[in-house]
C-alpha cells in the first residue's frame, strides 16, 4: 500500500446504503497511516496500472460482537465505487484470497459482512464461503454475517495484481 493509493482510497464515496464503507474525512491523516502500516496488512489491487480496490488481512476484518478464533485469517476489502455492481467483485475477491493464501500461508479465510450487503454475501458464497453465524455489532446493534472458507483451491490468473 502506497501513500498515493491510501489517499485515493480514503476519498472514495459510496452511495447509500454502502456509504457505511467510506472513511471519515475528519481523520484522513490517521487513516492513511493506518492503511499503510504493514502490521495492518492492507494491499492495493491494481488492474492495468489503475487502483481498483484493496484487500486486507488480519484482525482489522473483525467487528466487535462477533465470535472469532485464530484458525481463520480474517479478510476484507473494498472496490472503487465506480466499479461496484459491474460484476468484477468476485474476481477481485478470488485474486485477494489467492494472494492471501500465498502471503500468509493459509487456506482458511473468514469474512464479516454487514447483513444488508447481499451482493457481497452472494459473491462470497459463490466463492465457497459458508455462513458461520450472525451477530449484532456492540456499538449500534447493526447485524453482521460471518462466513468461513476452508481449503482454498488456488487458481492462476494474471488479470489483476496486488501491490
Protein backbone atom coordinates (compact mmCIF):
# COMPACT_ATOMS: atom_id res chain seq x y z
CA UNK A 1 0.00 0.00 0.00
CA UNK A 2 1.49 3.33 -1.04
CA UNK A 3 0.62 6.76 0.30
CA UNK A 4 -0.94 7.67 -3.07
CA UNK A 5 -3.17 4.59 -3.04
CA UNK A 6 -4.14 5.14 0.60
CA UNK A 7 -5.08 8.77 -0.13
CA UNK A 8 -7.17 7.67 -3.09
CA UNK A 9 -8.97 5.00 -1.05
CA UNK A 10 -9.96 7.41 1.72
CA UNK A 11 -11.50 9.73 -0.89
CA UNK A 12 -13.90 7.05 -2.17
CA UNK A 13 -17.58 7.79 -1.57
CA UNK A 14 -20.26 5.12 -1.89
CA UNK A 15 -24.00 5.54 -2.46
CA UNK A 16 -26.34 4.59 0.39
CA UNK A 17 -26.62 2.09 1.95
CA UNK A 18 -22.99 1.27 1.06
CA UNK A 19 -21.82 4.67 2.33
CA UNK A 20 -21.03 2.99 5.67
CA UNK A 21 -17.92 1.60 3.93
CA UNK A 22 -16.37 5.01 3.30
CA UNK A 23 -13.75 6.61 5.51
CA UNK A 24 -14.30 9.69 7.64
CA UNK A 25 -12.86 12.91 6.24
CA UNK A 26 -12.03 14.16 9.73
CA UNK A 27 -9.28 11.57 10.34
CA UNK A 28 -7.62 11.44 6.90
CA UNK A 29 -4.01 11.50 8.11
CA UNK A 30 -4.67 8.89 10.78
CA UNK A 31 -6.50 6.65 8.29
CA UNK A 32 -3.74 6.90 5.68
CA UNK A 33 -1.18 5.95 8.34
CA UNK A 34 -3.35 3.01 9.38
CA UNK A 35 -3.75 1.74 5.80
CA UNK A 36 0.00 1.99 5.18
CA UNK A 37 1.07 0.30 8.41
CA UNK A 38 2.44 -3.13 7.44
CA UNK A 39 1.07 -4.59 10.69
CA UNK A 40 -2.47 -3.96 9.39
CA UNK A 41 -1.86 -5.87 6.12
CA UNK A 42 -3.66 -3.68 3.57
CA UNK A 43 -2.79 -4.24 -0.08
CA UNK A 44 -3.75 -2.24 -3.16
CA UNK A 45 -5.43 -4.11 -6.01
CA UNK A 46 -4.19 -2.87 -9.37
CA UNK A 47 -5.53 -3.64 -12.84
CA UNK A 48 -3.94 -2.24 -15.98
CA UNK A 49 -1.95 0.21 -13.85
CA UNK A 50 -5.00 1.60 -12.04
CA UNK A 51 -6.10 1.23 -8.43
CA UNK A 52 -9.38 -0.67 -8.48
CA UNK A 53 -9.63 -1.81 -4.87
CA UNK A 54 -7.88 -3.06 -1.78
CA UNK A 55 -7.71 -6.22 0.30
CA UNK A 56 -6.90 -6.52 3.99
CA UNK A 57 -5.87 -9.48 6.11
CA UNK A 58 -5.96 -9.90 9.87
CA UNK A 59 -7.83 -8.55 12.85
CA UNK A 60 -8.93 -5.41 11.01
CA UNK A 61 -11.60 -7.60 9.39
CA UNK A 62 -13.25 -8.36 12.72
CA UNK A 63 -16.25 -6.49 14.13
CA UNK A 64 -16.95 -6.08 17.85
CA UNK A 65 -19.63 -8.54 18.91
CA UNK A 66 -18.62 -11.37 16.59
CA UNK A 67 -17.18 -14.69 17.72
CA UNK A 68 -13.66 -15.14 16.34
CA UNK A 69 -10.76 -17.56 16.75
CA UNK A 70 -7.31 -17.70 15.17
CA UNK A 71 -7.99 -20.76 12.97
CA UNK A 72 -9.18 -18.49 10.15
CA UNK A 73 -7.45 -15.47 8.66
CA UNK A 74 -9.90 -12.57 8.55
CA UNK A 75 -10.03 -10.75 5.25
CA UNK A 76 -11.88 -7.78 3.89
CA UNK A 77 -11.61 -5.20 1.21
CA UNK A 78 -13.21 -2.66 -0.99
CA UNK A 79 -13.78 -1.91 -4.62
CA UNK A 80 -13.55 1.55 -6.16
CA UNK A 81 -17.09 2.99 -6.04
CA UNK A 82 -17.48 3.41 -9.81
CA UNK A 83 -16.69 -0.29 -10.26
CA UNK A 84 -19.24 -1.70 -7.81
CA UNK A 85 -22.15 -3.64 -9.28
CA UNK A 86 -20.26 -4.31 -12.53
CA UNK A 87 -19.53 -7.99 -11.91
CA UNK A 88 -15.81 -7.77 -11.13
CA UNK A 89 -16.04 -8.15 -7.35
CA UNK A 90 -15.88 -11.94 -7.48
CA UNK A 91 -12.61 -11.91 -9.43
CA UNK A 92 -11.10 -9.28 -7.12
CA UNK A 93 -12.01 -11.31 -4.02
CA UNK A 94 -10.78 -14.55 -5.63
CA UNK A 95 -7.44 -12.94 -6.50
CA UNK A 96 -7.26 -11.50 -2.98
CA UNK A 97 -7.77 -14.94 -1.47
CA UNK A 98 -5.10 -16.45 -3.71
CA UNK A 99 -2.71 -13.65 -2.78
CA UNK A 100 -3.56 -14.03 0.93
CA UNK A 101 -3.07 -17.79 0.77
CA UNK A 102 0.45 -17.32 -0.58
CA UNK A 103 1.35 -14.27 1.52
CA UNK A 104 0.10 -15.66 4.85
CA UNK A 105 0.47 -19.41 4.23
CA UNK A 106 -3.15 -20.29 4.95
CA UNK A 107 -6.13 -21.67 3.12
CA UNK A 108 -8.67 -20.84 5.85
CA UNK A 109 -10.36 -17.46 5.50
CA UNK A 110 -13.18 -15.64 7.25
CA UNK A 111 -15.15 -12.56 6.18
CA UNK A 112 -17.53 -10.42 8.21
CA UNK A 113 -20.11 -8.62 6.09
CA UNK A 114 -22.89 -6.20 7.02
CA UNK A 115 -26.12 -8.22 6.72
CA UNK A 116 -27.71 -5.69 4.33
CA UNK A 117 -24.85 -6.21 1.84
CA UNK A 118 -26.48 -9.08 -0.02
CA UNK A 119 -24.25 -8.55 -3.08
CA UNK A 120 -21.08 -9.28 -1.09
CA UNK A 121 -22.65 -12.22 0.75
CA UNK A 122 -23.76 -13.82 -2.54
CA UNK A 123 -20.34 -13.30 -4.12
CA UNK A 124 -18.56 -14.85 -1.13
CA UNK A 125 -20.92 -17.83 -1.14
CA UNK A 126 -20.21 -18.36 -4.86
CA UNK A 127 -16.52 -18.47 -3.93
CA UNK A 128 -17.15 -21.26 -1.43
CA UNK A 129 -17.69 -19.36 1.82
CA UNK A 130 -20.36 -20.75 4.13
CA UNK A 131 -22.30 -18.85 6.75
CA UNK A 132 -20.94 -19.47 10.24
CA UNK A 133 -23.02 -17.12 12.38
CA UNK A 134 -24.76 -13.74 12.62
CA UNK A 135 -24.45 -11.17 15.38
CA UNK A 136 -25.22 -7.59 16.24
CA UNK A 137 -22.39 -5.07 16.49
CA UNK A 138 -21.92 -3.84 20.05
CA UNK A 139 -21.77 -0.13 19.21
CA UNK A 140 -25.00 0.24 17.22
CA UNK A 141 -26.80 -3.12 17.05
CA UNK A 142 -26.33 -3.46 13.26
CA UNK A 143 -26.41 -7.07 12.07
CA UNK A 144 -23.36 -8.77 10.54
CA UNK A 145 -22.82 -12.16 8.92
CA UNK A 146 -19.62 -14.15 9.44
CA UNK A 147 -18.68 -16.58 6.65
CA UNK A 148 -15.77 -19.04 6.58
CA UNK A 149 -13.83 -20.75 3.82
CA UNK A 150 -11.61 -23.82 4.24
CA UNK A 151 -9.15 -25.40 1.83
CA UNK A 152 -8.92 -22.69 -0.78
CA UNK A 153 -8.06 -24.14 -4.16
CA UNK A 154 -5.58 -21.92 -5.95
CA UNK A 155 -6.23 -20.74 -9.48
CA UNK A 156 -3.80 -18.78 -11.56
CA UNK A 157 -4.74 -15.52 -13.21
CA UNK A 158 -2.70 -12.54 -14.29
CA UNK A 159 -5.58 -10.16 -14.93
CA UNK A 160 -5.11 -8.42 -11.57
CA UNK A 161 -2.04 -7.75 -9.46
CA UNK A 162 -1.73 -6.91 -5.75
CA UNK A 163 0.77 -4.26 -4.72
